[in-house]
Amino acid sequence: MGDLGGGSGRYFIATPLLMRDLIFISYSRKDVKWLVEFQTMLKPLAKNLPTDIWDDTKIKTGQEWKAQIEQALSRACIAVLLVSPDFLASDFIAEQELPPLLRVAEEGGLTIVCLHVSHCLHEETEIGKYQGVNDPSKTLDRFSRGERNEILAKACREIKVLALQSQDIL
């Protein structure tokens, strides 16, 4: 029997590295309107991205919802945060979603993308240090549909570049 442990007599089992190949969208259920607008704008890119796009609407009846969210968090290379007062007030987001996302972002394994949908106190939180797609003083809820589409299209273009970079395609 060969020594796979470099002469130490120990054997190592190779395990695949965790593949971060997912765009995780985090939002408050009270902000579903903004999720739908963002999903609509993102849809044409979905087939051309090297990553999957995930939000909790992908959880199917009968699946363990918390396990599905944890699995998606573990695969995320990009986290899109739809930032609003309801987002910041969500205990689930603050306690279950943001801590692993922020930890991996600090380690360099994930990019945080803040999309400011409504004025809030984001600067009082850990996400306040991340550059948003749009200026926090120019939130989506201030604009007409056409102006929102312009901001959402910009966000999608930036996410596309980040997704390509995350998979070493650019």
N, C-alpha and C. Protein backbone atom coordinates (compact mmCIF):
# COMPACT_ATOMS: atom_id res chain seq x y z
N MET A 1 0.84 -1.19 0.00
CA MET A 1 0.00 0.00 0.00
C MET A 1 0.88 1.25 0.00
N GLY A 2 0.59 2.19 -0.85
CA GLY A 2 1.41 3.39 -0.97
C GLY A 2 1.13 4.40 0.13
N ASP A 3 2.12 5.24 0.40
CA ASP A 3 1.97 6.29 1.40
C ASP A 3 1.53 7.57 0.70
N LEU A 4 0.31 7.95 0.93
CA LEU A 4 -0.22 9.16 0.30
C LEU A 4 0.00 10.39 1.16
N GLY A 5 0.57 10.22 2.30
CA GLY A 5 0.73 11.33 3.25
C GLY A 5 2.09 11.96 3.21
N GLY A 6 2.81 11.82 2.12
CA GLY A 6 4.09 12.50 1.98
C GLY A 6 5.17 11.91 2.87
N GLY A 7 5.14 10.58 3.11
CA GLY A 7 6.16 9.94 3.92
C GLY A 7 5.82 9.89 5.40
N SER A 8 4.72 10.46 5.80
CA SER A 8 4.37 10.50 7.21
C SER A 8 3.63 9.26 7.67
N GLY A 9 3.25 8.40 6.74
CA GLY A 9 2.47 7.23 7.10
C GLY A 9 0.98 7.51 7.21
N ARG A 10 0.60 8.78 7.07
CA ARG A 10 -0.81 9.15 7.13
C ARG A 10 -1.39 9.22 5.73
N TYR A 11 -2.67 8.96 5.63
CA TYR A 11 -3.35 9.01 4.35
C TYR A 11 -4.30 10.20 4.34
N PHE A 12 -4.34 10.89 3.23
CA PHE A 12 -5.24 12.02 3.08
C PHE A 12 -6.27 11.69 2.02
N ILE A 13 -7.49 12.04 2.29
CA ILE A 13 -8.56 11.85 1.32
C ILE A 13 -8.82 13.20 0.68
N ALA A 14 -8.70 13.22 -0.62
CA ALA A 14 -8.96 14.47 -1.33
C ALA A 14 -10.45 14.76 -1.33
N THR A 15 -10.82 15.96 -0.93
CA THR A 15 -12.22 16.38 -0.97
C THR A 15 -12.33 17.58 -1.89
N PRO A 16 -13.38 17.64 -2.66
CA PRO A 16 -13.52 18.77 -3.58
C PRO A 16 -13.71 20.07 -2.82
N LEU A 17 -13.12 21.13 -3.33
CA LEU A 17 -13.31 22.44 -2.74
C LEU A 17 -14.75 22.88 -3.01
N LEU A 18 -15.28 23.63 -2.08
CA LEU A 18 -16.64 24.14 -2.23
C LEU A 18 -16.67 25.11 -3.41
N MET A 19 -17.58 24.87 -4.30
CA MET A 19 -17.71 25.72 -5.48
C MET A 19 -18.66 26.85 -5.17
N ARG A 20 -18.17 28.05 -5.29
CA ARG A 20 -19.01 29.22 -5.09
C ARG A 20 -19.47 29.67 -6.47
N ASP A 21 -20.71 29.30 -6.81
CA ASP A 21 -21.21 29.50 -8.17
C ASP A 21 -22.65 30.01 -8.17
N LEU A 22 -22.98 30.83 -7.18
CA LEU A 22 -24.37 31.24 -7.00
C LEU A 22 -24.46 32.73 -6.71
N ILE A 23 -25.44 33.37 -7.31
CA ILE A 23 -25.80 34.74 -6.94
C ILE A 23 -26.97 34.61 -5.97
N PHE A 24 -26.76 35.02 -4.73
CA PHE A 24 -27.75 34.90 -3.67
C PHE A 24 -28.43 36.26 -3.51
N ILE A 25 -29.76 36.29 -3.64
CA ILE A 25 -30.51 37.54 -3.48
C ILE A 25 -31.18 37.51 -2.11
N SER A 26 -30.82 38.50 -1.29
CA SER A 26 -31.38 38.62 0.05
C SER A 26 -32.31 39.83 0.09
N TYR A 27 -33.51 39.60 0.61
CA TYR A 27 -34.51 40.67 0.63
C TYR A 27 -35.49 40.39 1.77
N SER A 28 -36.20 41.40 2.18
CA SER A 28 -37.28 41.23 3.15
C SER A 28 -38.54 40.80 2.40
N ARG A 29 -39.28 39.90 2.99
CA ARG A 29 -40.54 39.48 2.36
C ARG A 29 -41.48 40.66 2.13
N LYS A 30 -41.33 41.71 2.91
CA LYS A 30 -42.16 42.90 2.73
C LYS A 30 -41.74 43.69 1.48
N ASP A 31 -40.57 43.35 0.92
CA ASP A 31 -40.06 44.03 -0.26
C ASP A 31 -40.15 43.16 -1.52
N VAL A 32 -41.09 42.26 -1.55
CA VAL A 32 -41.20 41.33 -2.68
C VAL A 32 -41.38 42.08 -4.01
N LYS A 33 -42.01 43.24 -3.97
CA LYS A 33 -42.18 44.05 -5.18
C LYS A 33 -40.83 44.35 -5.82
N TRP A 34 -39.84 44.69 -4.99
CA TRP A 34 -38.51 45.03 -5.49
C TRP A 34 -37.79 43.77 -5.99
N LEU A 35 -38.02 42.65 -5.33
CA LEU A 35 -37.44 41.39 -5.80
C LEU A 35 -37.94 41.09 -7.21
N VAL A 36 -39.25 41.23 -7.42
CA VAL A 36 -39.84 40.93 -8.73
C VAL A 36 -39.27 41.85 -9.81
N GLU A 37 -39.15 43.14 -9.52
CA GLU A 37 -38.58 44.08 -10.50
C GLU A 37 -37.14 43.70 -10.82
N PHE A 38 -36.36 43.35 -9.79
CA PHE A 38 -34.97 42.98 -10.01
C PHE A 38 -34.87 41.67 -10.80
N GLN A 39 -35.68 40.68 -10.43
CA GLN A 39 -35.67 39.40 -11.15
C GLN A 39 -36.02 39.60 -12.63
N THR A 40 -36.98 40.46 -12.89
CA THR A 40 -37.41 40.72 -14.26
C THR A 40 -36.27 41.30 -15.09
N MET A 41 -35.55 42.25 -14.51
CA MET A 41 -34.42 42.85 -15.22
C MET A 41 -33.29 41.85 -15.40
N LEU A 42 -33.07 41.00 -14.41
CA LEU A 42 -31.97 40.04 -14.43
C LEU A 42 -32.22 38.85 -15.36
N LYS A 43 -33.48 38.57 -15.65
CA LYS A 43 -33.86 37.37 -16.40
C LYS A 43 -33.10 37.18 -17.73
N PRO A 44 -32.96 38.20 -18.58
CA PRO A 44 -32.25 37.98 -19.84
C PRO A 44 -30.78 37.56 -19.66
N LEU A 45 -30.18 37.94 -18.54
CA LEU A 45 -28.79 37.58 -18.28
C LEU A 45 -28.65 36.15 -17.77
N ALA A 46 -29.69 35.62 -17.16
CA ALA A 46 -29.60 34.35 -16.44
C ALA A 46 -28.98 33.23 -17.28
N LYS A 47 -29.37 33.13 -18.53
CA LYS A 47 -28.86 32.03 -19.36
C LYS A 47 -27.42 32.24 -19.80
N ASN A 48 -26.92 33.47 -19.70
CA ASN A 48 -25.56 33.78 -20.13
C ASN A 48 -24.56 33.89 -18.98
N LEU A 49 -25.03 33.70 -17.77
CA LEU A 49 -24.14 33.80 -16.61
C LEU A 49 -23.54 32.44 -16.28
N PRO A 50 -22.31 32.43 -15.78
CA PRO A 50 -21.69 31.17 -15.37
C PRO A 50 -22.14 30.74 -13.97
N THR A 51 -23.06 31.47 -13.41
CA THR A 51 -23.54 31.22 -12.05
C THR A 51 -25.06 31.03 -12.07
N ASP A 52 -25.55 30.36 -11.04
CA ASP A 52 -26.99 30.28 -10.85
C ASP A 52 -27.45 31.50 -10.07
N ILE A 53 -28.72 31.82 -10.18
CA ILE A 53 -29.31 32.92 -9.42
C ILE A 53 -30.31 32.31 -8.46
N TRP A 54 -30.21 32.69 -7.18
CA TRP A 54 -31.05 32.05 -6.17
C TRP A 54 -31.66 33.09 -5.23
N ASP A 55 -32.92 32.89 -4.92
CA ASP A 55 -33.60 33.59 -3.84
C ASP A 55 -34.58 32.58 -3.25
N ASP A 56 -35.18 32.92 -2.14
CA ASP A 56 -35.99 31.93 -1.42
C ASP A 56 -37.26 31.50 -2.15
N THR A 57 -37.60 32.16 -3.25
CA THR A 57 -38.76 31.70 -4.02
C THR A 57 -38.44 30.40 -4.75
N LYS A 58 -37.18 30.00 -4.77
CA LYS A 58 -36.76 28.73 -5.40
C LYS A 58 -37.01 27.52 -4.50
N ILE A 59 -37.34 27.76 -3.24
CA ILE A 59 -37.59 26.66 -2.30
C ILE A 59 -38.93 26.04 -2.64
N LYS A 60 -38.92 24.74 -2.84
CA LYS A 60 -40.13 24.01 -3.24
C LYS A 60 -40.89 23.47 -2.03
N THR A 61 -42.16 23.28 -2.21
CA THR A 61 -43.01 22.69 -1.17
C THR A 61 -42.40 21.37 -0.72
N GLY A 62 -42.31 21.18 0.58
CA GLY A 62 -41.79 19.94 1.15
C GLY A 62 -40.30 19.97 1.44
N GLN A 63 -39.58 20.97 0.90
CA GLN A 63 -38.16 21.07 1.20
C GLN A 63 -37.96 21.74 2.55
N GLU A 64 -36.87 21.42 3.21
CA GLU A 64 -36.53 22.07 4.47
C GLU A 64 -36.00 23.46 4.14
N TRP A 65 -36.79 24.48 4.38
CA TRP A 65 -36.47 25.82 3.92
C TRP A 65 -35.16 26.34 4.49
N LYS A 66 -34.91 26.11 5.77
CA LYS A 66 -33.69 26.64 6.37
C LYS A 66 -32.45 25.96 5.78
N ALA A 67 -32.53 24.66 5.57
CA ALA A 67 -31.41 23.93 4.96
C ALA A 67 -31.16 24.42 3.54
N GLN A 68 -32.21 24.73 2.80
CA GLN A 68 -32.06 25.24 1.43
C GLN A 68 -31.36 26.60 1.44
N ILE A 69 -31.74 27.45 2.39
CA ILE A 69 -31.10 28.77 2.49
C ILE A 69 -29.63 28.60 2.88
N GLU A 70 -29.34 27.73 3.84
CA GLU A 70 -27.95 27.51 4.26
C GLU A 70 -27.11 26.97 3.10
N GLN A 71 -27.67 26.06 2.33
CA GLN A 71 -26.94 25.52 1.18
C GLN A 71 -26.65 26.61 0.15
N ALA A 72 -27.65 27.45 -0.11
CA ALA A 72 -27.46 28.54 -1.07
C ALA A 72 -26.41 29.54 -0.54
N LEU A 73 -26.45 29.84 0.75
CA LEU A 73 -25.46 30.74 1.33
C LEU A 73 -24.05 30.19 1.15
N SER A 74 -23.91 28.88 1.31
CA SER A 74 -22.58 28.26 1.21
C SER A 74 -22.04 28.27 -0.23
N ARG A 75 -22.91 28.42 -1.21
CA ARG A 75 -22.49 28.43 -2.62
C ARG A 75 -22.34 29.84 -3.19
N ALA A 76 -22.72 30.85 -2.43
CA ALA A 76 -22.78 32.21 -2.97
C ALA A 76 -21.39 32.79 -3.27
N CYS A 77 -21.25 33.35 -4.47
CA CYS A 77 -20.05 34.11 -4.82
C CYS A 77 -20.40 35.60 -4.88
N ILE A 78 -21.68 35.89 -5.03
CA ILE A 78 -22.19 37.26 -5.04
C ILE A 78 -23.46 37.27 -4.19
N ALA A 79 -23.57 38.27 -3.33
CA ALA A 79 -24.80 38.45 -2.56
C ALA A 79 -25.38 39.81 -2.91
N VAL A 80 -26.58 39.79 -3.46
CA VAL A 80 -27.28 41.03 -3.78
C VAL A 80 -28.23 41.30 -2.62
N LEU A 81 -28.05 42.43 -1.97
CA LEU A 81 -28.89 42.80 -0.83
C LEU A 81 -29.84 43.90 -1.26
N LEU A 82 -31.13 43.64 -1.19
CA LEU A 82 -32.14 44.66 -1.50
C LEU A 82 -32.41 45.41 -0.20
N VAL A 83 -31.71 46.51 -0.02
CA VAL A 83 -31.63 47.20 1.26
C VAL A 83 -32.78 48.18 1.45
N SER A 84 -33.48 48.01 2.57
CA SER A 84 -34.62 48.85 2.94
C SER A 84 -34.76 48.80 4.46
N PRO A 85 -35.64 49.62 5.04
CA PRO A 85 -35.88 49.52 6.47
C PRO A 85 -36.35 48.11 6.88
N ASP A 86 -37.21 47.50 6.06
CA ASP A 86 -37.70 46.16 6.38
C ASP A 86 -36.58 45.12 6.30
N PHE A 87 -35.68 45.28 5.35
CA PHE A 87 -34.51 44.40 5.25
C PHE A 87 -33.69 44.49 6.53
N LEU A 88 -33.38 45.72 6.95
CA LEU A 88 -32.56 45.90 8.15
C LEU A 88 -33.28 45.48 9.43
N ALA A 89 -34.60 45.53 9.42
CA ALA A 89 -35.38 45.16 10.62
C ALA A 89 -35.61 43.65 10.73
N SER A 90 -35.29 42.91 9.70
CA SER A 90 -35.54 41.46 9.71
C SER A 90 -34.54 40.74 10.60
N ASP A 91 -35.04 40.11 11.65
CA ASP A 91 -34.17 39.32 12.54
C ASP A 91 -33.55 38.15 11.79
N PHE A 92 -34.32 37.51 10.91
CA PHE A 92 -33.79 36.37 10.18
C PHE A 92 -32.61 36.79 9.31
N ILE A 93 -32.76 37.88 8.59
CA ILE A 93 -31.67 38.36 7.74
C ILE A 93 -30.46 38.71 8.61
N ALA A 94 -30.69 39.46 9.68
CA ALA A 94 -29.60 39.90 10.54
C ALA A 94 -28.89 38.75 11.25
N GLU A 95 -29.62 37.71 11.62
CA GLU A 95 -29.03 36.63 12.40
C GLU A 95 -28.62 35.41 11.58
N GLN A 96 -29.29 35.16 10.46
CA GLN A 96 -29.04 33.94 9.70
C GLN A 96 -28.36 34.16 8.36
N GLU A 97 -28.71 35.23 7.67
CA GLU A 97 -28.16 35.44 6.33
C GLU A 97 -26.92 36.31 6.33
N LEU A 98 -26.99 37.48 6.96
CA LEU A 98 -25.86 38.40 6.88
C LEU A 98 -24.57 37.88 7.52
N PRO A 99 -24.60 37.27 8.69
CA PRO A 99 -23.32 36.84 9.29
C PRO A 99 -22.47 35.95 8.38
N PRO A 100 -23.02 34.86 7.78
CA PRO A 100 -22.15 34.07 6.91
C PRO A 100 -21.73 34.82 5.65
N LEU A 101 -22.62 35.65 5.10
CA LEU A 101 -22.26 36.41 3.90
C LEU A 101 -21.14 37.40 4.20
N LEU A 102 -21.25 38.12 5.30
CA LEU A 102 -20.24 39.12 5.65
C LEU A 102 -18.91 38.46 5.99
N ARG A 103 -18.95 37.30 6.66
CA ARG A 103 -17.73 36.58 7.01
C ARG A 103 -16.98 36.17 5.74
N VAL A 104 -17.70 35.58 4.79
CA VAL A 104 -17.06 35.14 3.54
C VAL A 104 -16.59 36.35 2.72
N ALA A 105 -17.34 37.44 2.76
CA ALA A 105 -16.92 38.66 2.06
C ALA A 105 -15.61 39.18 2.65
N GLU A 106 -15.50 39.17 3.96
CA GLU A 106 -14.26 39.61 4.63
C GLU A 106 -13.08 38.74 4.24
N GLU A 107 -13.34 37.46 4.02
CA GLU A 107 -12.29 36.51 3.63
C GLU A 107 -11.97 36.59 2.14
N GLY A 108 -12.74 37.36 1.39
CA GLY A 108 -12.49 37.54 -0.03
C GLY A 108 -13.16 36.52 -0.94
N GLY A 109 -14.09 35.73 -0.40
CA GLY A 109 -14.73 34.70 -1.20
C GLY A 109 -16.08 35.07 -1.77
N LEU A 110 -16.50 36.31 -1.55
CA LEU A 110 -17.83 36.73 -1.96
C LEU A 110 -17.86 38.24 -2.13
N THR A 111 -18.66 38.71 -3.06
CA THR A 111 -18.84 40.15 -3.26
C THR A 111 -20.23 40.54 -2.81
N ILE A 112 -20.30 41.55 -1.96
CA ILE A 112 -21.57 42.11 -1.49
C ILE A 112 -21.99 43.22 -2.45
N VAL A 113 -23.21 43.14 -2.96
CA VAL A 113 -23.76 44.16 -3.85
C VAL A 113 -25.03 44.70 -3.20
N CYS A 114 -24.95 45.94 -2.73
CA CYS A 114 -26.12 46.56 -2.11
C CYS A 114 -26.91 47.32 -3.18
N LEU A 115 -28.19 47.03 -3.23
CA LEU A 115 -29.10 47.76 -4.09
C LEU A 115 -30.09 48.45 -3.16
N HIS A 116 -29.95 49.77 -3.07
CA HIS A 116 -30.75 50.55 -2.11
C HIS A 116 -32.15 50.79 -2.68
N VAL A 117 -33.14 50.15 -2.06
CA VAL A 117 -34.50 50.28 -2.58
C VAL A 117 -35.31 51.34 -1.83
N SER A 118 -34.91 51.63 -0.59
CA SER A 118 -35.65 52.61 0.20
C SER A 118 -34.71 53.21 1.24
N HIS A 119 -34.93 54.47 1.57
CA HIS A 119 -34.09 55.13 2.57
C HIS A 119 -34.15 54.37 3.89
N CYS A 120 -32.98 54.20 4.50
CA CYS A 120 -32.90 53.49 5.77
C CYS A 120 -31.58 53.85 6.45
N LEU A 121 -31.33 53.23 7.57
CA LEU A 121 -30.11 53.51 8.34
C LEU A 121 -29.03 52.47 8.07
N HIS A 122 -28.81 52.16 6.81
CA HIS A 122 -27.81 51.13 6.46
C HIS A 122 -26.43 51.47 6.98
N GLU A 123 -26.12 52.77 7.06
CA GLU A 123 -24.78 53.18 7.51
C GLU A 123 -24.53 52.84 8.97
N GLU A 124 -25.56 52.51 9.71
CA GLU A 124 -25.44 52.11 11.11
C GLU A 124 -25.21 50.61 11.26
N THR A 125 -25.10 49.92 10.15
CA THR A 125 -24.94 48.47 10.16
C THR A 125 -23.63 48.08 9.48
N GLU A 126 -23.31 46.80 9.53
CA GLU A 126 -22.09 46.30 8.90
C GLU A 126 -22.10 46.43 7.38
N ILE A 127 -23.27 46.51 6.79
CA ILE A 127 -23.31 46.64 5.33
C ILE A 127 -23.04 48.07 4.87
N GLY A 128 -23.02 49.00 5.80
CA GLY A 128 -22.77 50.40 5.46
C GLY A 128 -21.42 50.65 4.82
N LYS A 129 -20.46 49.74 5.03
CA LYS A 129 -19.12 49.94 4.47
C LYS A 129 -19.00 49.46 3.03
N TYR A 130 -20.04 48.81 2.51
CA TYR A 130 -19.98 48.29 1.15
C TYR A 130 -20.59 49.29 0.17
N GLN A 131 -19.87 49.51 -0.92
CA GLN A 131 -20.34 50.41 -1.97
C GLN A 131 -21.57 49.80 -2.64
N GLY A 132 -22.60 50.59 -2.74
CA GLY A 132 -23.81 50.13 -3.39
C GLY A 132 -23.79 50.39 -4.88
N VAL A 133 -24.71 49.75 -5.59
CA VAL A 133 -24.88 50.00 -7.02
C VAL A 133 -25.39 51.42 -7.22
N ASN A 134 -26.35 51.78 -6.40
CA ASN A 134 -26.92 53.13 -6.49
C ASN A 134 -26.61 53.90 -5.21
N ASP A 135 -26.60 55.19 -5.32
CA ASP A 135 -26.36 56.07 -4.19
C ASP A 135 -27.48 55.87 -3.17
N PRO A 136 -27.14 55.69 -1.89
CA PRO A 136 -28.18 55.48 -0.87
C PRO A 136 -29.15 56.65 -0.73
N SER A 137 -28.77 57.81 -1.23
CA SER A 137 -29.70 58.95 -1.20
C SER A 137 -30.61 58.96 -2.42
N LYS A 138 -30.35 58.05 -3.37
CA LYS A 138 -31.16 57.95 -4.59
C LYS A 138 -31.72 56.53 -4.70
N THR A 139 -32.59 56.22 -3.77
CA THR A 139 -33.15 54.88 -3.68
C THR A 139 -34.18 54.63 -4.78
N LEU A 140 -34.38 53.36 -5.09
CA LEU A 140 -35.30 52.99 -6.17
C LEU A 140 -36.71 53.56 -5.97
N ASP A 141 -37.17 53.61 -4.73
CA ASP A 141 -38.55 54.03 -4.50
C ASP A 141 -38.79 55.52 -4.79
N ARG A 142 -37.74 56.26 -5.09
CA ARG A 142 -37.87 57.69 -5.41
C ARG A 142 -38.14 57.94 -6.88
N PHE A 143 -37.97 56.91 -7.70
CA PHE A 143 -37.95 57.12 -9.14
C PHE A 143 -39.14 56.50 -9.85
N SER A 144 -39.35 56.98 -11.07
CA SER A 144 -40.37 56.40 -11.95
C SER A 144 -39.89 55.03 -12.41
N ARG A 145 -40.78 54.28 -13.01
CA ARG A 145 -40.44 52.94 -13.51
C ARG A 145 -39.26 52.99 -14.49
N GLY A 146 -39.28 53.94 -15.39
CA GLY A 146 -38.21 54.08 -16.37
C GLY A 146 -36.86 54.36 -15.71
N GLU A 147 -36.85 55.25 -14.74
CA GLU A 147 -35.61 55.58 -14.03
C GLU A 147 -35.12 54.38 -13.19
N ARG A 148 -36.06 53.65 -12.58
CA ARG A 148 -35.70 52.44 -11.83
C ARG A 148 -35.07 51.41 -12.77
N ASN A 149 -35.67 51.27 -13.95
CA ASN A 149 -35.12 50.31 -14.92
C ASN A 149 -33.68 50.66 -15.28
N GLU A 150 -33.39 51.93 -15.38
CA GLU A 150 -32.02 52.35 -15.68
C GLU A 150 -31.06 51.89 -14.57
N ILE A 151 -31.46 52.08 -13.33
CA ILE A 151 -30.63 51.67 -12.19
C ILE A 151 -30.52 50.15 -12.13
N LEU A 152 -31.64 49.46 -12.35
CA LEU A 152 -31.62 47.99 -12.31
C LEU A 152 -30.78 47.41 -13.43
N ALA A 153 -30.84 48.01 -14.62
CA ALA A 153 -30.02 47.54 -15.74
C ALA A 153 -28.54 47.72 -15.41
N LYS A 154 -28.19 48.85 -14.82
CA LYS A 154 -26.80 49.10 -14.40
C LYS A 154 -26.37 48.03 -13.39
N ALA A 155 -27.23 47.75 -12.43
CA ALA A 155 -26.93 46.73 -11.42
C ALA A 155 -26.68 45.38 -12.08
N CYS A 156 -27.52 45.01 -13.00
CA CYS A 156 -27.39 43.72 -13.69
C CYS A 156 -26.11 43.63 -14.50
N ARG A 157 -25.75 44.73 -15.16
CA ARG A 157 -24.49 44.74 -15.92
C ARG A 157 -23.29 44.56 -14.99
N GLU A 158 -23.33 45.22 -13.85
CA GLU A 158 -22.23 45.10 -12.89
C GLU A 158 -22.18 43.69 -12.30
N ILE A 159 -23.34 43.11 -12.03
CA ILE A 159 -23.40 41.74 -11.51
C ILE A 159 -22.86 40.75 -12.53
N LYS A 160 -23.16 40.99 -13.80
CA LYS A 160 -22.63 40.11 -14.85
C LYS A 160 -21.10 40.11 -14.83
N VAL A 161 -20.50 41.29 -14.75
CA VAL A 161 -19.04 41.38 -14.71
C VAL A 161 -18.51 40.67 -13.47
N LEU A 162 -19.13 40.89 -12.33
CA LEU A 162 -18.69 40.24 -11.09
C LEU A 162 -18.82 38.72 -11.19
N ALA A 163 -19.90 38.25 -11.79
CA ALA A 163 -20.10 36.80 -11.93
C ALA A 163 -19.03 36.21 -12.83
N LEU A 164 -18.71 36.87 -13.92
CA LEU A 164 -17.66 36.39 -14.82
C LEU A 164 -16.30 36.39 -14.12
N GLN A 165 -16.03 37.44 -13.37
CA GLN A 165 -14.77 37.51 -12.62
C GLN A 165 -14.71 36.42 -11.56
N SER A 166 -15.81 36.16 -10.90
CA SER A 166 -15.82 35.15 -9.82
C SER A 166 -15.53 33.76 -10.33
N GLN A 167 -15.81 33.52 -11.58
CA GLN A 167 -15.56 32.21 -12.17
C GLN A 167 -14.32 32.23 -13.08
N ASP A 168 -13.51 33.29 -12.92
CA ASP A 168 -12.26 33.44 -13.68
C ASP A 168 -12.47 33.42 -15.19
N ILE A 169 -13.57 34.01 -15.63
CA ILE A 169 -13.86 34.07 -17.07
C ILE A 169 -13.37 35.38 -17.66
N LEU A 170 -13.27 36.41 -16.83
CA LEU A 170 -12.72 37.71 -17.31
C LEU A 170 -11.29 37.86 -16.90
